[in-house]
């Protein structure tokens, strides 16, 4: 289940992409299939181990074009362990709402993005997130360790991105069918096991089926509801300048087969 749109991001084969806050690698895997060299960065070591393992399997199954590399990095978004201008494209999906110093994280993203490179930042959309916070204090920080620390108001992230030196160029909302699921989870207790509640269990199974099968009917419903109920807001922005302004740093990477 992808949140960022690679066509809007402008991702091309042979480029270098940072997947910041990669989790278990959903965006990284699709980028690899498209022939993009990927650095998957996260604070979770277990997640990074799984990303490397699945990347190796994909390479072995010829899902990844020959010569495409995958690197994993354990890193903090406010102190990224990469050289300036290291990446052509960046995806930071559902990351900034967890970080106290989101301005510092945006400054780091700008630093490691090459001139004229683009990034996609995804955050919880305002209305669905506001409802989740209203339904349960256990959904977010401080009751939820490592949880969301803020709700972004309309246009707030675009203004922060512009202040960091980026040019926001496009945006859209996705995952409308996921908003009611999280409202339901919050209403019954977001930390309760999914199997504890019949409605939560049913909805979770429905979403799993929808992700795997992607039937035409629910795709249409998703497109119709996304502008209002989309759980995630995706913003695409460009770093001004040209590649000639400063050469892209060489990315030290290891093969996915390693």
C-alpha atoms as a PDB file:
ATOM      1  CA  UNK A   1       0.000   0.000   0.000  1.00  0.00           C
ATOM      2  CA  UNK A   2       1.791   3.087  -1.264  1.00  0.00           C
ATOM      3  CA  UNK A   3       1.087   6.597  -0.024  1.00  0.00           C
ATOM      4  CA  UNK A   4       3.395   8.588  -2.300  1.00  0.00           C
ATOM      5  CA  UNK A   5       2.802   8.720  -6.046  1.00  0.00           C
ATOM      6  CA  UNK A   6       6.068   8.015  -7.875  1.00  0.00           C
ATOM      7  CA  UNK A   7       4.935   9.761 -11.040  1.00  0.00           C
ATOM      8  CA  UNK A   8       4.244  12.981  -9.116  1.00  0.00           C
ATOM      9  CA  UNK A   9       7.572  12.538  -7.353  1.00  0.00           C
ATOM     10  CA  UNK A  10       9.247  12.262 -10.766  1.00  0.00           C
ATOM     11  CA  UNK A  11      11.146   9.104  -9.839  1.00  0.00           C
ATOM     12  CA  UNK A  12      13.247   7.644 -12.655  1.00  0.00           C
ATOM     13  CA  UNK A  13      15.365   4.518 -13.021  1.00  0.00           C
ATOM     14  CA  UNK A  14      18.996   5.024 -12.052  1.00  0.00           C
ATOM     15  CA  UNK A  15      18.264   7.793  -9.549  1.00  0.00           C
ATOM     16  CA  UNK A  16      19.060   7.692  -5.836  1.00  0.00           C
ATOM     17  CA  UNK A  17      16.185   7.852  -3.382  1.00  0.00           C
ATOM     18  CA  UNK A  18      16.028   8.193   0.395  1.00  0.00           C
ATOM     19  CA  UNK A  19      13.118   6.453   2.101  1.00  0.00           C
ATOM     20  CA  UNK A  20      13.116   8.232   5.462  1.00  0.00           C
ATOM     21  CA  UNK A  21      11.176   6.481   8.206  1.00  0.00           C
ATOM     22  CA  UNK A  22      10.995   3.475   5.921  1.00  0.00           C
ATOM     23  CA  UNK A  23       9.332   1.155   8.449  1.00  0.00           C
ATOM     24  CA  UNK A  24       9.072  -2.256   6.836  1.00  0.00           C
ATOM     25  CA  UNK A  25       9.926  -0.892   3.412  1.00  0.00           C
ATOM     26  CA  UNK A  26       6.745  -0.514   1.373  1.00  0.00           C
ATOM     27  CA  UNK A  27       8.012   2.543  -0.511  1.00  0.00           C
ATOM     28  CA  UNK A  28      11.551   1.189  -0.805  1.00  0.00           C
ATOM     29  CA  UNK A  29      10.438  -2.034  -2.500  1.00  0.00           C
ATOM     30  CA  UNK A  30       8.452  -0.268  -5.206  1.00  0.00           C
ATOM     31  CA  UNK A  31      11.354   2.097  -5.888  1.00  0.00           C
ATOM     32  CA  UNK A  32      13.709  -0.875  -6.274  1.00  0.00           C
ATOM     33  CA  UNK A  33      11.326  -2.488  -8.768  1.00  0.00           C
ATOM     34  CA  UNK A  34      11.472   0.737 -10.780  1.00  0.00           C
ATOM     35  CA  UNK A  35      15.260   0.567 -10.961  1.00  0.00           C
ATOM     36  CA  UNK A  36      15.993   3.209  -8.338  1.00  0.00           C
ATOM     37  CA  UNK A  37      18.941   2.959  -5.941  1.00  0.00           C
ATOM     38  CA  UNK A  38      17.457   3.206  -2.443  1.00  0.00           C
ATOM     39  CA  UNK A  39      18.641   4.093   1.035  1.00  0.00           C
ATOM     40  CA  UNK A  40      16.056   2.934   3.580  1.00  0.00           C
ATOM     41  CA  UNK A  41      16.544   4.907   6.806  1.00  0.00           C
ATOM     42  CA  UNK A  42      14.794   4.293  10.105  1.00  0.00           C
ATOM     43  CA  UNK A  43      15.370   4.299  13.867  1.00  0.00           C
ATOM     44  CA  UNK A  44      14.056   0.739  14.160  1.00  0.00           C
ATOM     45  CA  UNK A  45      16.767  -1.896  13.736  1.00  0.00           C
ATOM     46  CA  UNK A  46      14.281  -4.760  13.366  1.00  0.00           C
ATOM     47  CA  UNK A  47      12.586  -2.916  10.523  1.00  0.00           C
ATOM     48  CA  UNK A  48      15.906  -2.322   8.766  1.00  0.00           C
ATOM     49  CA  UNK A  49      16.894  -5.981   9.059  1.00  0.00           C
ATOM     50  CA  UNK A  50      13.614  -7.013   7.441  1.00  0.00           C
ATOM     51  CA  UNK A  51      14.028  -4.484   4.637  1.00  0.00           C
ATOM     52  CA  UNK A  52      17.466  -5.876   3.822  1.00  0.00           C
ATOM     53  CA  UNK A  53      16.197  -9.446   3.959  1.00  0.00           C
ATOM     54  CA  UNK A  54      13.239  -8.760   1.662  1.00  0.00           C
ATOM     55  CA  UNK A  55      15.431  -6.717  -0.668  1.00  0.00           C
ATOM     56  CA  UNK A  56      17.780  -9.686  -1.003  1.00  0.00           C
ATOM     57  CA  UNK A  57      14.847 -12.004  -1.780  1.00  0.00           C
ATOM     58  CA  UNK A  58      13.562  -9.555  -4.409  1.00  0.00           C
ATOM     59  CA  UNK A  59      16.989  -9.500  -6.025  1.00  0.00           C
ATOM     60  CA  UNK A  60      17.150 -13.283  -5.982  1.00  0.00           C
ATOM     61  CA  UNK A  61      13.718 -13.485  -7.607  1.00  0.00           C
ATOM     62  CA  UNK A  62      14.775 -11.004 -10.321  1.00  0.00           C
ATOM     63  CA  UNK A  63      12.252  -8.402  -9.146  1.00  0.00           C
ATOM     64  CA  UNK A  64      15.056  -5.824  -8.993  1.00  0.00           C
ATOM     65  CA  UNK A  65      16.917  -4.753 -12.159  1.00  0.00           C
ATOM     66  CA  UNK A  66      20.560  -5.770 -12.354  1.00  0.00           C
ATOM     67  CA  UNK A  67      22.925  -3.282 -10.712  1.00  0.00           C
ATOM     68  CA  UNK A  68      20.298  -1.571  -8.536  1.00  0.00           C
ATOM     69  CA  UNK A  69      21.521  -1.187  -4.954  1.00  0.00           C
ATOM     70  CA  UNK A  70      19.845  -1.029  -1.567  1.00  0.00           C
ATOM     71  CA  UNK A  71      21.423   0.422   1.560  1.00  0.00           C
ATOM     72  CA  UNK A  72      19.904   0.559   5.030  1.00  0.00           C
ATOM     73  CA  UNK A  73      20.840   3.225   7.556  1.00  0.00           C
ATOM     74  CA  UNK A  74      19.959   3.697  11.209  1.00  0.00           C
ATOM     75  CA  UNK A  75      19.479   7.447  11.490  1.00  0.00           C
ATOM     76  CA  UNK A  76      17.738  10.367  13.179  1.00  0.00           C
ATOM     77  CA  UNK A  77      15.741  12.664  10.873  1.00  0.00           C
ATOM     78  CA  UNK A  78      17.204  15.749  12.572  1.00  0.00           C
ATOM     79  CA  UNK A  79      20.802  14.502  12.109  1.00  0.00           C
ATOM     80  CA  UNK A  80      20.849  12.526   8.896  1.00  0.00           C
ATOM     81  CA  UNK A  81      24.057  10.504   8.348  1.00  0.00           C
ATOM     82  CA  UNK A  82      24.424  11.516   4.695  1.00  0.00           C
ATOM     83  CA  UNK A  83      26.477  14.042   2.733  1.00  0.00           C
ATOM     84  CA  UNK A  84      24.972  17.181   1.231  1.00  0.00           C
ATOM     85  CA  UNK A  85      23.119  16.669  -2.073  1.00  0.00           C
ATOM     86  CA  UNK A  86      23.121  12.877  -1.760  1.00  0.00           C
ATOM     87  CA  UNK A  87      19.683  12.122  -3.198  1.00  0.00           C
ATOM     88  CA  UNK A  88      17.668  12.847  -6.332  1.00  0.00           C
ATOM     89  CA  UNK A  89      14.351  12.007  -4.638  1.00  0.00           C
ATOM     90  CA  UNK A  90      13.189  11.645  -1.044  1.00  0.00           C
ATOM     91  CA  UNK A  91      10.095  10.130   0.525  1.00  0.00           C
ATOM     92  CA  UNK A  92       9.361  10.929   4.176  1.00  0.00           C
ATOM     93  CA  UNK A  93       6.115   9.109   4.864  1.00  0.00           C
ATOM     94  CA  UNK A  94       4.286   9.632   8.170  1.00  0.00           C
ATOM     95  CA  UNK A  95       7.445  10.883   9.901  1.00  0.00           C
ATOM     96  CA  UNK A  96       7.242  14.602  10.706  1.00  0.00           C
ATOM     97  CA  UNK A  97       4.185  14.311  12.966  1.00  0.00           C
ATOM     98  CA  UNK A  98       6.329  12.208  15.335  1.00  0.00           C
ATOM     99  CA  UNK A  99       9.217  14.708  15.579  1.00  0.00           C
ATOM    100  CA  UNK A 100       9.329  17.610  18.042  1.00  0.00           C
ATOM    101  CA  UNK A 101      11.820  19.514  15.871  1.00  0.00           C
ATOM    102  CA  UNK A 102      10.096  19.155  12.518  1.00  0.00           C
ATOM    103  CA  UNK A 103      11.777  22.348  11.264  1.00  0.00           C
ATOM    104  CA  UNK A 104      15.162  20.747  11.965  1.00  0.00           C
ATOM    105  CA  UNK A 105      14.108  17.601  10.105  1.00  0.00           C
ATOM    106  CA  UNK A 106      12.982  19.649   7.095  1.00  0.00           C
ATOM    107  CA  UNK A 107      16.324  21.490   7.083  1.00  0.00           C
ATOM    108  CA  UNK A 108      18.100  18.125   6.971  1.00  0.00           C
ATOM    109  CA  UNK A 109      15.918  16.896   4.127  1.00  0.00           C
ATOM    110  CA  UNK A 110      16.765  20.018   2.133  1.00  0.00           C
ATOM    111  CA  UNK A 111      20.471  19.554   2.882  1.00  0.00           C
ATOM    112  CA  UNK A 112      20.656  15.985   1.559  1.00  0.00           C
ATOM    113  CA  UNK A 113      18.394  16.622  -1.456  1.00  0.00           C
ATOM    114  CA  UNK A 114      20.248  17.701  -4.596  1.00  0.00           C
ATOM    115  CA  UNK A 115      19.371  20.999  -6.293  1.00  0.00           C
ATOM    116  CA  UNK A 116      16.282  20.539  -8.479  1.00  0.00           C
ATOM    117  CA  UNK A 117      15.533  17.279  -6.651  1.00  0.00           C
ATOM    118  CA  UNK A 118      12.049  16.547  -5.364  1.00  0.00           C
ATOM    119  CA  UNK A 119      10.622  15.054  -2.211  1.00  0.00           C
ATOM    120  CA  UNK A 120       7.273  13.750  -1.051  1.00  0.00           C
ATOM    121  CA  UNK A 121       6.278  14.303   2.561  1.00  0.00           C
ATOM    122  CA  UNK A 122       3.170  12.597   3.905  1.00  0.00           C
ATOM    123  CA  UNK A 123       1.378  13.495   7.134  1.00  0.00           C
ATOM    124  CA  UNK A 124      -2.013  12.725   8.691  1.00  0.00           C
ATOM    125  CA  UNK A 125      -4.634  14.997   7.138  1.00  0.00           C
ATOM    126  CA  UNK A 126      -6.172  17.545   9.500  1.00  0.00           C
ATOM    127  CA  UNK A 127      -9.814  16.435   9.852  1.00  0.00           C
ATOM    128  CA  UNK A 128      -9.300  12.654  10.209  1.00  0.00           C
ATOM    129  CA  UNK A 129      -6.458  13.259  12.636  1.00  0.00           C
ATOM    130  CA  UNK A 130      -8.437  15.761  14.712  1.00  0.00           C
ATOM    131  CA  UNK A 131     -11.229  13.202  15.109  1.00  0.00           C
ATOM    132  CA  UNK A 132      -8.733  10.545  16.242  1.00  0.00           C
ATOM    133  CA  UNK A 133      -7.305  12.891  18.882  1.00  0.00           C
ATOM    134  CA  UNK A 134     -10.808  13.794  20.083  1.00  0.00           C
ATOM    135  CA  UNK A 135     -11.817  10.145  20.415  1.00  0.00           C
ATOM    136  CA  UNK A 136      -8.803   8.958  22.416  1.00  0.00           C
ATOM    137  CA  UNK A 137      -5.901  10.529  24.301  1.00  0.00           C
ATOM    138  CA  UNK A 138      -4.133   7.173  23.977  1.00  0.00           C
ATOM    139  CA  UNK A 139      -3.840   7.605  20.207  1.00  0.00           C
ATOM    140  CA  UNK A 140      -1.155  10.301  20.443  1.00  0.00           C
ATOM    141  CA  UNK A 141       1.706  11.566  22.607  1.00  0.00           C
ATOM    142  CA  UNK A 142       2.303  11.811  25.497  1.00  0.00           C
ATOM    143  CA  UNK A 143       0.074   8.847  26.351  1.00  0.00           C
ATOM    144  CA  UNK A 144       1.374   6.985  23.309  1.00  0.00           C
ATOM    145  CA  UNK A 145       5.212   6.846  23.497  1.00  0.00           C
ATOM    146  CA  UNK A 146       6.643   7.755  20.125  1.00  0.00           C
ATOM    147  CA  UNK A 147       3.188   8.787  18.933  1.00  0.00           C
ATOM    148  CA  UNK A 148       2.031  11.863  17.063  1.00  0.00           C
ATOM    149  CA  UNK A 149       3.095  15.097  18.731  1.00  0.00           C
ATOM    150  CA  UNK A 150       1.050  17.521  16.598  1.00  0.00           C
ATOM    151  CA  UNK A 151      -1.805  17.960  14.178  1.00  0.00           C
ATOM    152  CA  UNK A 152      -0.827  19.976  11.118  1.00  0.00           C
ATOM    153  CA  UNK A 153      -3.295  22.702  10.260  1.00  0.00           C
ATOM    154  CA  UNK A 154      -4.375  23.447   6.710  1.00  0.00           C
ATOM    155  CA  UNK A 155      -1.388  24.741   4.768  1.00  0.00           C
ATOM    156  CA  UNK A 156       0.925  24.602   7.785  1.00  0.00           C
ATOM    157  CA  UNK A 157       3.359  22.063   6.387  1.00  0.00           C
ATOM    158  CA  UNK A 158       3.488  23.803   3.002  1.00  0.00           C
ATOM    159  CA  UNK A 159       4.508  27.011   4.796  1.00  0.00           C
ATOM    160  CA  UNK A 160       7.155  25.179   6.818  1.00  0.00           C
ATOM    161  CA  UNK A 161       8.530  23.577   3.665  1.00  0.00           C
ATOM    162  CA  UNK A 162       8.683  26.936   1.919  1.00  0.00           C
ATOM    163  CA  UNK A 163      10.480  28.460   4.910  1.00  0.00           C
ATOM    164  CA  UNK A 164      13.029  25.637   4.705  1.00  0.00           C
ATOM    165  CA  UNK A 165      13.817  26.567   1.103  1.00  0.00           C
ATOM    166  CA  UNK A 166      11.539  24.188  -0.779  1.00  0.00           C
ATOM    167  CA  UNK A 167       8.954  24.971  -3.433  1.00  0.00           C
ATOM    168  CA  UNK A 168       5.711  23.015  -2.832  1.00  0.00           C
ATOM    169  CA  UNK A 169       4.297  22.066  -6.229  1.00  0.00           C
ATOM    170  CA  UNK A 170       1.556  19.484  -5.780  1.00  0.00           C
ATOM    171  CA  UNK A 171      -0.522  17.695  -3.146  1.00  0.00           C
ATOM    172  CA  UNK A 172      -3.291  15.158  -2.782  1.00  0.00           C
ATOM    173  CA  UNK A 173      -4.969  12.967  -0.164  1.00  0.00           C
ATOM    174  CA  UNK A 174      -5.115   9.182  -0.001  1.00  0.00           C
ATOM    175  CA  UNK A 175      -6.369   6.255   2.108  1.00  0.00           C
ATOM    176  CA  UNK A 176      -9.942   7.479   2.671  1.00  0.00           C
ATOM    177  CA  UNK A 177     -11.082   3.982   3.643  1.00  0.00           C
ATOM    178  CA  UNK A 178      -8.538   3.953   6.465  1.00  0.00           C
ATOM    179  CA  UNK A 179      -9.982   6.963   8.298  1.00  0.00           C
ATOM    180  CA  UNK A 180     -13.122   5.198   9.621  1.00  0.00           C
ATOM    181  CA  UNK A 181     -10.952   2.279  10.690  1.00  0.00           C
ATOM    182  CA  UNK A 182      -8.808   4.512  12.895  1.00  0.00           C
ATOM    183  CA  UNK A 183     -11.853   6.305  14.286  1.00  0.00           C
ATOM    184  CA  UNK A 184     -13.228   2.937  15.270  1.00  0.00           C
ATOM    185  CA  UNK A 185      -9.905   1.898  16.800  1.00  0.00           C
ATOM    186  CA  UNK A 186      -9.770   5.116  18.812  1.00  0.00           C
ATOM    187  CA  UNK A 187     -13.379   4.732  19.983  1.00  0.00           C
ATOM    188  CA  UNK A 188     -12.778   1.254  21.425  1.00  0.00           C
ATOM    189  CA  UNK A 189      -9.197   1.918  22.582  1.00  0.00           C
ATOM    190  CA  UNK A 190      -6.300   2.212  20.107  1.00  0.00           C
ATOM    191  CA  UNK A 191      -3.995   0.001  22.172  1.00  0.00           C
ATOM    192  CA  UNK A 192      -6.405  -2.909  22.425  1.00  0.00           C
ATOM    193  CA  UNK A 193      -5.576  -5.938  20.248  1.00  0.00           C
ATOM    194  CA  UNK A 194      -7.436  -5.890  16.939  1.00  0.00           C
ATOM    195  CA  UNK A 195      -9.040  -9.254  17.695  1.00  0.00           C
ATOM    196  CA  UNK A 196     -10.662  -7.906  20.877  1.00  0.00           C
ATOM    197  CA  UNK A 197     -13.423  -6.089  19.026  1.00  0.00           C
ATOM    198  CA  UNK A 198     -15.608  -7.630  16.338  1.00  0.00           C
ATOM    199  CA  UNK A 199     -16.051  -4.438  14.299  1.00  0.00           C
ATOM    200  CA  UNK A 200     -12.345  -3.594  14.422  1.00  0.00           C
ATOM    201  CA  UNK A 201     -11.475  -7.144  13.442  1.00  0.00           C
ATOM    202  CA  UNK A 202     -13.919  -7.099  10.537  1.00  0.00           C
ATOM    203  CA  UNK A 203     -12.720  -3.716   9.255  1.00  0.00           C
ATOM    204  CA  UNK A 204      -9.080  -4.772   9.499  1.00  0.00           C
ATOM    205  CA  UNK A 205      -9.819  -7.871   7.434  1.00  0.00           C
ATOM    206  CA  UNK A 206     -11.694  -5.752   4.895  1.00  0.00           C
ATOM    207  CA  UNK A 207      -8.729  -3.371   4.520  1.00  0.00           C
ATOM    208  CA  UNK A 208      -6.315  -6.281   4.149  1.00  0.00           C
ATOM    209  CA  UNK A 209      -8.536  -7.777   1.446  1.00  0.00           C
ATOM    210  CA  UNK A 210      -8.798  -4.408  -0.289  1.00  0.00           C
ATOM    211  CA  UNK A 211      -5.021  -3.876  -0.314  1.00  0.00           C
ATOM    212  CA  UNK A 212      -4.349  -7.336  -1.708  1.00  0.00           C
ATOM    213  CA  UNK A 213      -7.206  -7.531  -4.230  1.00  0.00           C
ATOM    214  CA  UNK A 214      -7.592  -3.826  -5.124  1.00  0.00           C
ATOM    215  CA  UNK A 215     -11.088  -4.317  -6.606  1.00  0.00           C
ATOM    216  CA  UNK A 216     -12.354  -1.690  -9.012  1.00  0.00           C
ATOM    217  CA  UNK A 217     -15.346  -0.802  -6.824  1.00  0.00           C
ATOM    218  CA  UNK A 218     -13.339   0.189  -3.759  1.00  0.00           C
ATOM    219  CA  UNK A 219     -10.775   2.001  -5.946  1.00  0.00           C
ATOM    220  CA  UNK A 220     -13.595   4.193  -7.257  1.00  0.00           C
ATOM    221  CA  UNK A 221     -14.942   4.796  -3.748  1.00  0.00           C
ATOM    222  CA  UNK A 222     -11.428   5.640  -2.561  1.00  0.00           C
ATOM    223  CA  UNK A 223     -10.926   8.221  -5.313  1.00  0.00           C
ATOM    224  CA  UNK A 224     -14.291   9.843  -4.605  1.00  0.00           C
ATOM    225  CA  UNK A 225     -13.796  10.057  -0.831  1.00  0.00           C
ATOM    226  CA  UNK A 226     -10.072  10.874  -0.723  1.00  0.00           C
ATOM    227  CA  UNK A 227     -10.395  14.671  -1.071  1.00  0.00           C
ATOM    228  CA  UNK A 228     -12.554  14.781   2.087  1.00  0.00           C
ATOM    229  CA  UNK A 229     -11.737  11.694   4.149  1.00  0.00           C
ATOM    230  CA  UNK A 230      -8.220  10.826   2.996  1.00  0.00           C
ATOM    231  CA  UNK A 231      -6.212   9.803   6.074  1.00  0.00           C
ATOM    232  CA  UNK A 232      -2.906  11.024   4.621  1.00  0.00           C
ATOM    233  CA  UNK A 233      -1.960  14.283   2.939  1.00  0.00           C
ATOM    234  CA  UNK A 234       0.933  14.014   0.465  1.00  0.00           C
ATOM    235  CA  UNK A 235       2.893  17.136  -0.457  1.00  0.00           C
ATOM    236  CA  UNK A 236       5.456  17.216  -3.266  1.00  0.00           C
ATOM    237  CA  UNK A 237       8.126  19.915  -3.275  1.00  0.00           C
ATOM    238  CA  UNK A 238      11.268  20.789  -5.195  1.00  0.00           C
ATOM    239  CA  UNK A 239      14.582  22.162  -4.013  1.00  0.00           C
ATOM    240  CA  UNK A 240      15.334  25.178  -6.253  1.00  0.00           C
ATOM    241  CA  UNK A 241      18.507  25.240  -8.280  1.00  0.00           C
ATOM    242  CA  UNK A 242      20.158  23.051 -10.879  1.00  0.00           C
ATOM    243  CA  UNK A 243      22.362  20.015 -10.683  1.00  0.00           C
ATOM    244  CA  UNK A 244      25.215  22.170 -11.987  1.00  0.00           C
ATOM    245  CA  UNK A 245      25.024  24.334  -8.860  1.00  0.00           C
ATOM    246  CA  UNK A 246      26.598  21.563  -6.801  1.00  0.00           C
ATOM    247  CA  UNK A 247      27.385  18.002  -7.913  1.00  0.00           C
ATOM    248  CA  UNK A 248      25.448  15.128  -6.421  1.00  0.00           C
ATOM    249  CA  UNK A 249      27.517  13.317  -3.788  1.00  0.00           C
ATOM    250  CA  UNK A 250      28.410   9.735  -4.486  1.00  0.00           C
ATOM    251  CA  UNK A 251      26.219   7.369  -2.542  1.00  0.00           C
ATOM    252  CA  UNK A 252      28.101   4.611  -0.734  1.00  0.00           C
ATOM    253  CA  UNK A 253      25.808   1.618  -0.964  1.00  0.00           C
ATOM    254  CA  UNK A 254      25.863  -2.129  -0.777  1.00  0.00           C
ATOM    255  CA  UNK A 255      24.112  -4.456  -3.159  1.00  0.00           C
ATOM    256  CA  UNK A 256      20.746  -5.861  -2.185  1.00  0.00           C
ATOM    257  CA  UNK A 257      22.312  -9.243  -2.781  1.00  0.00           C
ATOM    258  CA  UNK A 258      24.892  -8.656  -0.026  1.00  0.00           C
END
